[in-house]
C-alpha atoms as a PDB file:
ATOM      1  CA  MET A   1      87.807 134.337  81.585  1.00  0.00           C
ATOM      2  CA  SER A   2      91.017 133.629  83.496  1.00  0.00           C
ATOM      3  CA  ASP A   3      93.024 130.615  82.395  1.00  0.00           C
ATOM      4  CA  THR A   4      94.072 129.898  85.972  1.00  0.00           C
ATOM      5  CA  SER A   5      92.164 128.087  88.663  1.00  0.00           C
ATOM      6  CA  PRO A   6      92.216 129.023  92.348  1.00  0.00           C
ATOM      7  CA  PHE A   7      93.198 125.379  92.938  1.00  0.00           C
ATOM      8  CA  ASP A   8      96.425 125.744  90.938  1.00  0.00           C
ATOM      9  CA  ALA A   9      98.301 127.369  93.824  1.00  0.00           C
ATOM     10  CA  ALA A  10      96.260 125.822  96.638  1.00  0.00           C
ATOM     11  CA  PRO A  11      98.057 123.231  98.760  1.00  0.00           C
ATOM     12  CA  ILE A  12      97.366 119.623  99.547  1.00  0.00           C
ATOM     13  CA  GLY A  13      97.143 119.369 103.322  1.00  0.00           C
ATOM     14  CA  ILE A  14      99.346 116.728 104.954  1.00  0.00           C
ATOM     15  CA  LEU A  15      98.482 115.276 108.360  1.00  0.00           C
ATOM     16  CA  MET A  16     101.889 114.190 109.643  1.00  0.00           C
ATOM     17  CA  LEU A  17     102.635 111.862 112.529  1.00  0.00           C
ATOM     18  CA  ASP A  18     104.347 113.321 115.569  1.00  0.00           C
ATOM     19  CA  SER A  19     107.800 111.932 114.792  1.00  0.00           C
ATOM     20  CA  ARG A  20     111.500 112.720 114.732  1.00  0.00           C
ATOM     21  CA  PHE A  21     112.911 110.110 112.323  1.00  0.00           C
ATOM     22  CA  PRO A  22     114.514 111.610 109.186  1.00  0.00           C
ATOM     23  CA  ARG A  23     112.069 112.356 106.387  1.00  0.00           C
ATOM     24  CA  ILE A  24     114.333 111.998 103.383  1.00  0.00           C
ATOM     25  CA  PRO A  25     113.390 113.171  99.866  1.00  0.00           C
ATOM     26  CA  GLY A  26     110.518 111.029  98.648  1.00  0.00           C
ATOM     27  CA  ASP A  27     109.016 110.640 102.117  1.00  0.00           C
ATOM     28  CA  ALA A  28     105.445 111.933 102.138  1.00  0.00           C
ATOM     29  CA  GLY A  29     106.255 114.231 105.051  1.00  0.00           C
ATOM     30  CA  ASN A  30     109.038 116.016 103.162  1.00  0.00           C
ATOM     31  CA  PRO A  31     107.566 118.973 101.221  1.00  0.00           C
ATOM     32  CA  LEU A  32     110.272 118.595  98.564  1.00  0.00           C
ATOM     33  CA  SER A  33     108.779 115.213  97.665  1.00  0.00           C
ATOM     34  CA  TRP A  34     105.804 116.829  95.971  1.00  0.00           C
ATOM     35  CA  PRO A  35     105.600 118.688  92.616  1.00  0.00           C
ATOM     36  CA  PHE A  36     102.841 120.939  93.956  1.00  0.00           C
ATOM     37  CA  PRO A  37     102.281 123.100  97.057  1.00  0.00           C
ATOM     38  CA  VAL A  38     101.668 121.303 100.349  1.00  0.00           C
ATOM     39  CA  ALA A  39     100.809 122.436 103.855  1.00  0.00           C
ATOM     40  CA  ILE A  40     101.939 120.199 106.725  1.00  0.00           C
ATOM     41  CA  ARG A  41     100.370 119.953 110.165  1.00  0.00           C
ATOM     42  CA  VAL A  42     101.828 117.660 112.811  1.00  0.00           C
ATOM     43  CA  VAL A  43      99.193 115.765 114.784  1.00  0.00           C
ATOM     44  CA  ARG A  44     100.589 115.984 118.299  1.00  0.00           C
ATOM     45  CA  GLY A  45     100.684 112.713 120.201  1.00  0.00           C
ATOM     46  CA  ALA A  46     100.202 110.618 117.068  1.00  0.00           C
ATOM     47  CA  SER A  47     103.504 108.768 117.257  1.00  0.00           C
ATOM     48  CA  PRO A  48     104.447 105.887 114.927  1.00  0.00           C
ATOM     49  CA  GLN A  49     104.061 103.518 117.887  1.00  0.00           C
ATOM     50  CA  ARG A  50     100.594 104.804 118.689  1.00  0.00           C
ATOM     51  CA  ILE A  51      99.294 104.694 115.124  1.00  0.00           C
ATOM     52  CA  VAL A  52     100.897 101.468 113.907  1.00  0.00           C
ATOM     53  CA  ARG A  53     101.285  99.313 117.001  1.00  0.00           C
ATOM     54  CA  GLU A  54      98.316 100.633 118.985  1.00  0.00           C
ATOM     55  CA  GLY A  55      95.749 101.068 116.210  1.00  0.00           C
ATOM     56  CA  GLY A  56      95.534 104.831 116.552  1.00  0.00           C
ATOM     57  CA  GLY A  57      94.371 104.887 120.139  1.00  0.00           C
ATOM     58  CA  ASP A  58      92.159 107.895 120.859  1.00  0.00           C
ATOM     59  CA  SER A  59      93.853 110.168 118.314  1.00  0.00           C
ATOM     60  CA  LEU A  60      91.006 110.420 115.779  1.00  0.00           C
ATOM     61  CA  ALA A  61      89.712 113.707 117.224  1.00  0.00           C
ATOM     62  CA  ALA A  62      93.180 115.264 116.894  1.00  0.00           C
ATOM     63  CA  PHE A  63      93.345 114.204 113.250  1.00  0.00           C
ATOM     64  CA  ILE A  64      89.931 115.693 112.551  1.00  0.00           C
ATOM     65  CA  ASP A  65      90.875 118.981 114.214  1.00  0.00           C
ATOM     66  CA  ALA A  66      94.110 119.137 112.212  1.00  0.00           C
ATOM     67  CA  ALA A  67      92.335 118.335 108.950  1.00  0.00           C
ATOM     68  CA  ARG A  68      89.749 121.047 109.522  1.00  0.00           C
ATOM     69  CA  ALA A  69      92.493 123.548 110.327  1.00  0.00           C
ATOM     70  CA  LEU A  70      94.278 122.720 107.058  1.00  0.00           C
ATOM     71  CA  VAL A  71      91.064 123.202 105.097  1.00  0.00           C
ATOM     72  CA  ASP A  72      90.487 126.529 106.845  1.00  0.00           C
ATOM     73  CA  GLU A  73      93.993 127.514 105.707  1.00  0.00           C
ATOM     74  CA  GLY A  74      93.124 126.729 102.089  1.00  0.00           C
ATOM     75  CA  ALA A  75      93.987 123.047 101.572  1.00  0.00           C
ATOM     76  CA  VAL A  76      92.011 121.529  98.682  1.00  0.00           C
ATOM     77  CA  GLY A  77      92.716 117.920  99.666  1.00  0.00           C
ATOM     78  CA  ILE A  78      93.898 116.043 102.748  1.00  0.00           C
ATOM     79  CA  ILE A  79      96.397 113.186 102.978  1.00  0.00           C
ATOM     80  CA  THR A  80      98.308 111.473 105.777  1.00  0.00           C
ATOM     81  CA  THR A  81     101.799 110.104 106.307  1.00  0.00           C
ATOM     82  CA  CYS A  82     100.835 106.596 107.458  1.00  0.00           C
ATOM     83  CA  GLY A  83      99.048 103.826 105.600  1.00  0.00           C
ATOM     84  CA  PHE A  84      97.669 102.442 108.874  1.00  0.00           C
ATOM     85  CA  LEU A  85      95.381 105.480 109.013  1.00  0.00           C
ATOM     86  CA  SER A  86      93.010 103.693 106.649  1.00  0.00           C
ATOM     87  CA  LEU A  87      91.051 103.156 109.864  1.00  0.00           C
ATOM     88  CA  PHE A  88      90.309 106.911 109.919  1.00  0.00           C
ATOM     89  CA  GLN A  89      89.346 107.249 106.240  1.00  0.00           C
ATOM     90  CA  GLN A  90      85.588 107.365 106.641  1.00  0.00           C
ATOM     91  CA  ALA A  91      85.589 109.626 109.694  1.00  0.00           C
ATOM     92  CA  LEU A  92      88.015 112.122 108.140  1.00  0.00           C
ATOM     93  CA  ALA A  93      86.178 112.142 104.814  1.00  0.00           C
ATOM     94  CA  GLU A  94      82.943 112.914 106.656  1.00  0.00           C
ATOM     95  CA  ALA A  95      84.576 115.675 108.702  1.00  0.00           C
ATOM     96  CA  VAL A  96      85.901 117.922 105.920  1.00  0.00           C
ATOM     97  CA  PRO A  97      84.490 119.224 102.598  1.00  0.00           C
ATOM     98  CA  VAL A  98      87.504 118.231 100.443  1.00  0.00           C
ATOM     99  CA  PRO A  99      88.843 114.898  99.122  1.00  0.00           C
ATOM    100  CA  VAL A 100      90.698 112.771 101.667  1.00  0.00           C
ATOM    101  CA  VAL A 101      93.289 110.032 101.138  1.00  0.00           C
ATOM    102  CA  THR A 102      94.444 108.398 104.360  1.00  0.00           C
ATOM    103  CA  SER A 103      96.232 105.340 102.985  1.00  0.00           C
ATOM    104  CA  SER A 104      98.069 104.089  99.932  1.00  0.00           C
ATOM    105  CA  LEU A 105      96.156 100.837 100.414  1.00  0.00           C
ATOM    106  CA  ALA A 106      93.110 102.487  98.835  1.00  0.00           C
ATOM    107  CA  GLN A 107      94.613 101.869  95.387  1.00  0.00           C
ATOM    108  CA  VAL A 108      95.123  98.088  95.679  1.00  0.00           C
ATOM    109  CA  GLU A 109      91.754  97.303  94.134  1.00  0.00           C
ATOM    110  CA  MET A 110      92.365  99.766  91.276  1.00  0.00           C
ATOM    111  CA  VAL A 111      95.801  98.329  90.558  1.00  0.00           C
ATOM    112  CA  ASN A 112      94.310  94.835  90.392  1.00  0.00           C
ATOM    113  CA  ARG A 113      91.957  95.972  87.639  1.00  0.00           C
ATOM    114  CA  MET A 114      94.904  97.079  85.500  1.00  0.00           C
ATOM    115  CA  LEU A 115      96.884  93.861  85.720  1.00  0.00           C
ATOM    116  CA  PRO A 116      96.914  90.960  83.228  1.00  0.00           C
ATOM    117  CA  ALA A 117      94.702  87.969  83.946  1.00  0.00           C
ATOM    118  CA  GLY A 118      96.074  85.799  86.709  1.00  0.00           C
ATOM    119  CA  ARG A 119      98.155  88.574  88.250  1.00  0.00           C
ATOM    120  CA  VAL A 120      97.423  90.388  91.509  1.00  0.00           C
ATOM    121  CA  ALA A 121      98.794  93.314  93.460  1.00  0.00           C
ATOM    122  CA  GLY A 122     100.592  92.625  96.707  1.00  0.00           C
ATOM    123  CA  ILE A 123     101.191  94.892  99.690  1.00  0.00           C
ATOM    124  CA  GLN A 124     104.540  95.723 101.262  1.00  0.00           C
ATOM    125  CA  THR A 125     104.033  97.010 104.800  1.00  0.00           C
ATOM    126  CA  ILE A 126     106.284  98.268 107.552  1.00  0.00           C
ATOM    127  CA  ALA A 127     104.609  95.946 110.081  1.00  0.00           C
ATOM    128  CA  ALA A 128     102.656  92.916 108.914  1.00  0.00           C
ATOM    129  CA  SER A 129     102.089  91.920 112.541  1.00  0.00           C
ATOM    130  CA  SER A 130     100.065  95.102 113.072  1.00  0.00           C
ATOM    131  CA  LEU A 131      98.245  95.263 109.727  1.00  0.00           C
ATOM    132  CA  THR A 132      94.845  93.814 110.586  1.00  0.00           C
ATOM    133  CA  ALA A 133      91.784  92.777 108.645  1.00  0.00           C
ATOM    134  CA  ARG A 134      90.194  96.034 109.826  1.00  0.00           C
ATOM    135  CA  HIS A 135      92.909  98.121 108.152  1.00  0.00           C
ATOM    136  CA  LEU A 136      92.497  96.191 104.901  1.00  0.00           C
ATOM    137  CA  ALA A 137      88.704  96.281 104.926  1.00  0.00           C
ATOM    138  CA  ALA A 138      88.710 100.032 105.554  1.00  0.00           C
ATOM    139  CA  ALA A 139      90.713 100.446 102.323  1.00  0.00           C
ATOM    140  CA  ASN A 140      88.631  97.901 100.367  1.00  0.00           C
ATOM    141  CA  VAL A 141      91.641  95.633  99.920  1.00  0.00           C
ATOM    142  CA  PRO A 142      90.477  92.312  98.424  1.00  0.00           C
ATOM    143  CA  ALA A 143      90.624  89.249 100.637  1.00  0.00           C
ATOM    144  CA  GLY A 144      93.655  87.080 100.026  1.00  0.00           C
ATOM    145  CA  THR A 145      95.903  89.946  98.899  1.00  0.00           C
ATOM    146  CA  PRO A 146      99.560  88.886  99.351  1.00  0.00           C
ATOM    147  CA  ILE A 147     101.371  90.802 102.078  1.00  0.00           C
ATOM    148  CA  GLY A 148     105.108  91.232 102.576  1.00  0.00           C
ATOM    149  CA  THR A 149     106.931  93.248 105.216  1.00  0.00           C
ATOM    150  CA  THR A 150     110.200  94.874 106.177  1.00  0.00           C
ATOM    151  CA  GLU A 151     109.681  93.596 109.728  1.00  0.00           C
ATOM    152  CA  GLY A 152     112.685  91.572 110.785  1.00  0.00           C
ATOM    153  CA  GLY A 153     115.054  93.627 108.646  1.00  0.00           C
ATOM    154  CA  ARG A 154     118.083  95.402 109.997  1.00  0.00           C
ATOM    155  CA  GLU A 155     117.051  99.048 109.803  1.00  0.00           C
ATOM    156  CA  PHE A 156     113.850 100.322 108.238  1.00  0.00           C
ATOM    157  CA  THR A 157     111.044  99.060 110.482  1.00  0.00           C
ATOM    158  CA  ARG A 158     113.021  99.478 113.692  1.00  0.00           C
ATOM    159  CA  ALA A 159     114.191 103.028 112.953  1.00  0.00           C
ATOM    160  CA  ILE A 160     110.763 104.279 111.858  1.00  0.00           C
ATOM    161  CA  LEU A 161     108.560 102.604 114.464  1.00  0.00           C
ATOM    162  CA  ASN A 162     110.984 103.347 117.301  1.00  0.00           C
ATOM    163  CA  ASP A 163     111.117 106.924 116.003  1.00  0.00           C
ATOM    164  CA  GLU A 164     114.900 107.017 116.043  1.00  0.00           C
ATOM    165  CA  PRO A 165     116.662 110.300 115.161  1.00  0.00           C
ATOM    166  CA  THR A 166     118.906 108.702 112.524  1.00  0.00           C
ATOM    167  CA  LEU A 167     118.330 106.388 109.565  1.00  0.00           C
ATOM    168  CA  ASP A 168     120.868 104.358 107.611  1.00  0.00           C
ATOM    169  CA  VAL A 169     119.370 104.915 104.175  1.00  0.00           C
ATOM    170  CA  ALA A 170     121.454 102.231 102.479  1.00  0.00           C
ATOM    171  CA  LEU A 171     120.300  99.595 104.968  1.00  0.00           C
ATOM    172  CA  ALA A 172     116.704 100.844 104.785  1.00  0.00           C
ATOM    173  CA  ARG A 173     116.856 100.513 101.010  1.00  0.00           C
ATOM    174  CA  GLN A 174     118.230  96.991 101.319  1.00  0.00           C
ATOM    175  CA  ASP A 175     115.453  96.028 103.751  1.00  0.00           C
ATOM    176  CA  ASN A 176     112.830  97.240 101.295  1.00  0.00           C
ATOM    177  CA  VAL A 177     114.331  95.496  98.286  1.00  0.00           C
ATOM    178  CA  GLU A 178     114.801  92.230 100.156  1.00  0.00           C
ATOM    179  CA  ALA A 179     111.225  92.333 101.458  1.00  0.00           C
ATOM    180  CA  ALA A 180     109.888  92.930  97.944  1.00  0.00           C
ATOM    181  CA  LEU A 181     111.930  90.051  96.525  1.00  0.00           C
ATOM    182  CA  ALA A 182     110.671  87.747  99.283  1.00  0.00           C
ATOM    183  CA  LEU A 183     107.088  88.799  98.545  1.00  0.00           C
ATOM    184  CA  GLN A 184     107.612  88.080  94.860  1.00  0.00           C
ATOM    185  CA  GLU A 185     109.245  84.703  95.495  1.00  0.00           C
ATOM    186  CA  ALA A 186     106.384  83.616  97.752  1.00  0.00           C
ATOM    187  CA  ASN A 187     103.754  84.731  95.227  1.00  0.00           C
ATOM    188  CA  PRO A 188     104.623  83.807  91.616  1.00  0.00           C
ATOM    189  CA  HIS A 189     101.357  85.392  90.457  1.00  0.00           C
ATOM    190  CA  LEU A 190     102.390  88.817  91.801  1.00  0.00           C
ATOM    191  CA  GLY A 191     101.829  91.527  89.194  1.00  0.00           C
ATOM    192  CA  ALA A 192     102.510  94.736  91.142  1.00  0.00           C
ATOM    193  CA  ILE A 193     103.476  95.980  94.590  1.00  0.00           C
ATOM    194  CA  VAL A 194     101.635  98.632  96.602  1.00  0.00           C
ATOM    195  CA  LEU A 195     103.738 100.222  99.323  1.00  0.00           C
ATOM    196  CA  GLU A 196     101.635 100.693 102.452  1.00  0.00           C
ATOM    197  CA  CYS A 197     104.200 102.825 104.224  1.00  0.00           C
ATOM    198  CA  THR A 198     104.662 106.414 103.078  1.00  0.00           C
ATOM    199  CA  ASN A 199     108.304 106.273 104.195  1.00  0.00           C
ATOM    200  CA  MET A 200     108.983 103.563 101.570  1.00  0.00           C
ATOM    201  CA  VAL A 201     108.508 105.890  98.599  1.00  0.00           C
ATOM    202  CA  PRO A 202     112.241 106.737  98.249  1.00  0.00           C
ATOM    203  CA  TYR A 203     112.944 103.062  97.609  1.00  0.00           C
ATOM    204  CA  ALA A 204     110.238 102.468  94.997  1.00  0.00           C
ATOM    205  CA  PRO A 205     112.648 102.740  92.024  1.00  0.00           C
ATOM    206  CA  ASP A 206     114.990 100.182  93.603  1.00  0.00           C
ATOM    207  CA  ILE A 207     112.089  97.803  94.235  1.00  0.00           C
ATOM    208  CA  ALA A 208     110.866  98.176  90.652  1.00  0.00           C
ATOM    209  CA  VAL A 209     114.324  97.414  89.250  1.00  0.00           C
ATOM    210  CA  ALA A 210     114.861  94.433  91.547  1.00  0.00           C
ATOM    211  CA  THR A 211     111.473  92.807  90.933  1.00  0.00           C
ATOM    212  CA  GLY A 212     110.659  93.976  87.426  1.00  0.00           C
ATOM    213  CA  LEU A 213     107.192  94.919  88.710  1.00  0.00           C
ATOM    214  CA  PRO A 214     105.298  98.201  88.765  1.00  0.00           C
ATOM    215  CA  VAL A 215     105.341  99.823  92.199  1.00  0.00           C
ATOM    216  CA  TYR A 216     102.585 102.040  93.579  1.00  0.00           C
ATOM    217  CA  SER A 217     102.692 104.198  96.685  1.00  0.00           C
ATOM    218  CA  ILE A 218     101.119 107.156  98.453  1.00  0.00           C
ATOM    219  CA  HIS A 219     103.024 109.268  95.931  1.00  0.00           C
ATOM    220  CA  THR A 220     101.284 107.724  92.923  1.00  0.00           C
ATOM    221  CA  LEU A 221      97.870 107.931  94.585  1.00  0.00           C
ATOM    222  CA  VAL A 222      98.157 111.533  95.758  1.00  0.00           C
ATOM    223  CA  ARG A 223      99.547 112.742  92.440  1.00  0.00           C
ATOM    224  CA  TRP A 224      96.491 111.155  90.806  1.00  0.00           C
ATOM    225  CA  MET A 225      94.224 112.938  93.289  1.00  0.00           C
ATOM    226  CA  HIS A 226      95.977 116.236  92.667  1.00  0.00           C
ATOM    227  CA  MET A 227      95.624 115.857  88.882  1.00  0.00           C
ATOM    228  CA  GLY A 228      91.857 115.726  89.374  1.00  0.00           C
ATOM    229  CA  LEU A 229      91.874 118.820  91.553  1.00  0.00           C
ATOM    230  CA  CYS A 230      94.236 120.728  89.253  1.00  0.00           C
ATOM    231  CA  PRO A 231      93.955 119.304  85.708  1.00  0.00           C
ATOM    232  CA  PRO A 232      96.914 120.131  83.463  1.00  0.00           C
ATOM    233  CA  ARG A 233      96.377 122.903  80.929  1.00  0.00           C
ATOM    234  CA  PHE A 234      97.100 122.383  77.251  1.00  0.00           C
ATOM    235  CA  ALA A 235      97.440 124.933  74.461  1.00  0.00           C
ATOM    236  CA  VAL A 236      94.363 124.347  72.304  1.00  0.00           C
END
């Protein structure tokens, strides 16, 4: 019997927004961010504005078509590059025969179960003004979950949602750290932070150092999913 699985070299399929902003290392849309093979398909017309500010519009069919194409090309799992796509979780999961993760928010409930008594996970989002009860319910986020945001900062939210061609990484990092500290200050019972936005992953270490809290993201969730699809092999 072979000691390799056909899944070992099979990619995770990434449904990427139609965007031009820089996808720096750590960003879910940068293939170098992942320690396993990925296949990326841009969903044309699915701009950051359309998905975040406009609730996805009529783009679901395009996401389904792209997901099916990735599966046809050999993808063993499907993920997306925007946490606001929690709204499409059920429809995408029903459309393809492989596991689907549309949003980092899906792990909030799991993180809560790991925390000490009296502590809860909070969410850091790119746009609290657009994150609705529907988005949270679609990801089974518990009611009353604390929410912080980089909205109102100097760089991160504006550059990503306006789909600007450049990004001041130092300012984006500062926006993320300051938002996390504000979330922590407003919620003394905060025990962990879940990053809604897949573009926040590069700043997770800085947030963890600044707050002293564990930080979870699309990266932690998808690596967990991949470990189930491709379990590590041990010499036994």
